[in-house]
Amino acid sequence: MKAGTYGSLVEVFRGSLWEAEIVKGLLGSAGVEAMIKDETLSAVTSPYANVGGKVLVMVNKEEEVYAKKVVAQKTA
């Protein structure tokens, strides 16, 4: 994430691993730093073990409104 003081991370998308990777790329191209969070232990053992599981795309709270707008426009 960018250097600076940020309050917290917020979820802007939830879906499969490949969908989350695409959304993260879209956000990155729009200038928004994002990270992917997998809520299962399988992400630790293998990134491919959780096929079909839910993965979150998280951004800084300060960028939440813009990030959600980017996601809504690109996934509609």
C-alpha atoms as a PDB file:
ATOM      1  CA  MET A   1       0.000   0.000   0.000  1.00  0.00           C
ATOM      2  CA  LYS A   2       1.032   3.613  -0.347  1.00  0.00           C
ATOM      3  CA  ALA A   3       3.130   5.132   2.392  1.00  0.00           C
ATOM      4  CA  GLY A   4       0.976   7.184   4.697  1.00  0.00           C
ATOM      5  CA  THR A   5      -1.458   6.988   7.555  1.00  0.00           C
ATOM      6  CA  TYR A   6      -4.665   5.145   6.762  1.00  0.00           C
ATOM      7  CA  GLY A   7      -7.512   4.285   9.097  1.00  0.00           C
ATOM      8  CA  SER A   8      -8.366   0.831   7.841  1.00  0.00           C
ATOM      9  CA  LEU A   9      -9.077  -1.383   4.872  1.00  0.00           C
ATOM     10  CA  VAL A  10     -12.577  -1.923   3.531  1.00  0.00           C
ATOM     11  CA  GLU A  11     -14.069  -4.515   1.203  1.00  0.00           C
ATOM     12  CA  VAL A  12     -15.095  -3.287  -2.250  1.00  0.00           C
ATOM     13  CA  PHE A  13     -15.592  -6.647  -3.989  1.00  0.00           C
ATOM     14  CA  ARG A  14     -16.203 -10.293  -3.099  1.00  0.00           C
ATOM     15  CA  GLY A  15     -15.961 -13.158  -5.578  1.00  0.00           C
ATOM     16  CA  SER A  16     -13.774 -15.949  -6.914  1.00  0.00           C
ATOM     17  CA  LEU A  17      -9.993 -15.666  -7.028  1.00  0.00           C
ATOM     18  CA  TRP A  18      -9.880 -14.919 -10.747  1.00  0.00           C
ATOM     19  CA  GLU A  19     -12.631 -12.281 -10.469  1.00  0.00           C
ATOM     20  CA  ALA A  20     -10.812 -10.644  -7.570  1.00  0.00           C
ATOM     21  CA  GLU A  21      -7.570 -10.542  -9.566  1.00  0.00           C
ATOM     22  CA  ILE A  22      -9.384  -8.814 -12.447  1.00  0.00           C
ATOM     23  CA  VAL A  23     -11.010  -6.263 -10.112  1.00  0.00           C
ATOM     24  CA  LYS A  24      -7.665  -5.595  -8.428  1.00  0.00           C
ATOM     25  CA  GLY A  25      -6.163  -4.920 -11.869  1.00  0.00           C
ATOM     26  CA  LEU A  26      -9.022  -2.582 -12.791  1.00  0.00           C
ATOM     27  CA  LEU A  27      -8.547  -0.650  -9.575  1.00  0.00           C
ATOM     28  CA  GLY A  28      -4.797  -0.474 -10.126  1.00  0.00           C
ATOM     29  CA  SER A  29      -5.300   0.957 -13.616  1.00  0.00           C
ATOM     30  CA  ALA A  30      -7.595   3.588 -12.059  1.00  0.00           C
ATOM     31  CA  GLY A  31      -4.884   4.555  -9.565  1.00  0.00           C
ATOM     32  CA  VAL A  32      -6.324   2.769  -6.528  1.00  0.00           C
ATOM     33  CA  GLU A  33      -4.043   0.531  -4.467  1.00  0.00           C
ATOM     34  CA  ALA A  34      -5.832  -2.713  -3.643  1.00  0.00           C
ATOM     35  CA  MET A  35      -5.062  -6.025  -1.987  1.00  0.00           C
ATOM     36  CA  ILE A  36      -6.637  -9.454  -2.132  1.00  0.00           C
ATOM     37  CA  LYS A  37      -7.652 -11.296   1.021  1.00  0.00           C
ATOM     38  CA  ASP A  38      -8.610 -14.948   0.933  1.00  0.00           C
ATOM     39  CA  GLU A  39     -10.648 -15.911   3.987  1.00  0.00           C
ATOM     40  CA  THR A  40      -9.671 -19.596   3.913  1.00  0.00           C
ATOM     41  CA  LEU A  41      -6.598 -21.490   5.064  1.00  0.00           C
ATOM     42  CA  SER A  42      -6.182 -22.982   1.588  1.00  0.00           C
ATOM     43  CA  ALA A  43      -4.626 -19.706   0.433  1.00  0.00           C
ATOM     44  CA  VAL A  44      -1.698 -20.458   2.730  1.00  0.00           C
ATOM     45  CA  THR A  45      -1.170 -23.962   1.385  1.00  0.00           C
ATOM     46  CA  SER A  46      -1.945 -23.347  -2.281  1.00  0.00           C
ATOM     47  CA  PRO A  47      -3.491 -20.417  -4.155  1.00  0.00           C
ATOM     48  CA  TYR A  48      -5.306 -22.917  -6.404  1.00  0.00           C
ATOM     49  CA  ALA A  49      -6.779 -25.108  -3.665  1.00  0.00           C
ATOM     50  CA  ASN A  50      -9.751 -22.821  -3.071  1.00  0.00           C
ATOM     51  CA  VAL A  51     -11.286 -22.869  -6.530  1.00  0.00           C
ATOM     52  CA  GLY A  52     -14.758 -21.351  -6.199  1.00  0.00           C
ATOM     53  CA  GLY A  53     -14.223 -19.896  -2.727  1.00  0.00           C
ATOM     54  CA  LYS A  54     -14.811 -16.271  -1.835  1.00  0.00           C
ATOM     55  CA  VAL A  55     -11.975 -13.783  -2.004  1.00  0.00           C
ATOM     56  CA  LEU A  56     -12.141 -10.120  -0.955  1.00  0.00           C
ATOM     57  CA  VAL A  57     -10.662  -7.085  -2.667  1.00  0.00           C
ATOM     58  CA  MET A  58      -9.725  -4.516  -0.050  1.00  0.00           C
ATOM     59  CA  VAL A  59      -8.793  -0.826  -0.379  1.00  0.00           C
ATOM     60  CA  ASN A  60      -7.939   1.985   2.013  1.00  0.00           C
ATOM     61  CA  LYS A  61     -11.041   3.472   3.634  1.00  0.00           C
ATOM     62  CA  GLU A  62     -10.117   6.871   2.208  1.00  0.00           C
ATOM     63  CA  GLU A  63     -10.483   5.469  -1.340  1.00  0.00           C
ATOM     64  CA  GLU A  64     -13.644   3.426  -0.723  1.00  0.00           C
ATOM     65  CA  VAL A  65     -16.179   5.616  -2.562  1.00  0.00           C
ATOM     66  CA  TYR A  66     -14.023   6.018  -5.680  1.00  0.00           C
ATOM     67  CA  ALA A  67     -13.049   2.315  -5.686  1.00  0.00           C
ATOM     68  CA  LYS A  68     -16.685   1.183  -5.446  1.00  0.00           C
ATOM     69  CA  LYS A  69     -17.565   3.525  -8.306  1.00  0.00           C
ATOM     70  CA  VAL A  70     -14.781   2.038 -10.467  1.00  0.00           C
ATOM     71  CA  VAL A  71     -15.890  -1.525  -9.643  1.00  0.00           C
ATOM     72  CA  ALA A  72     -19.562  -0.714 -10.370  1.00  0.00           C
ATOM     73  CA  GLN A  73     -18.749   0.878 -13.738  1.00  0.00           C
ATOM     74  CA  LYS A  74     -16.419  -1.899 -14.878  1.00  0.00           C
ATOM     75  CA  THR A  75     -18.518  -4.871 -13.731  1.00  0.00           C
ATOM     76  CA  ALA A  76     -21.904  -3.595 -14.943  1.00  0.00           C
END
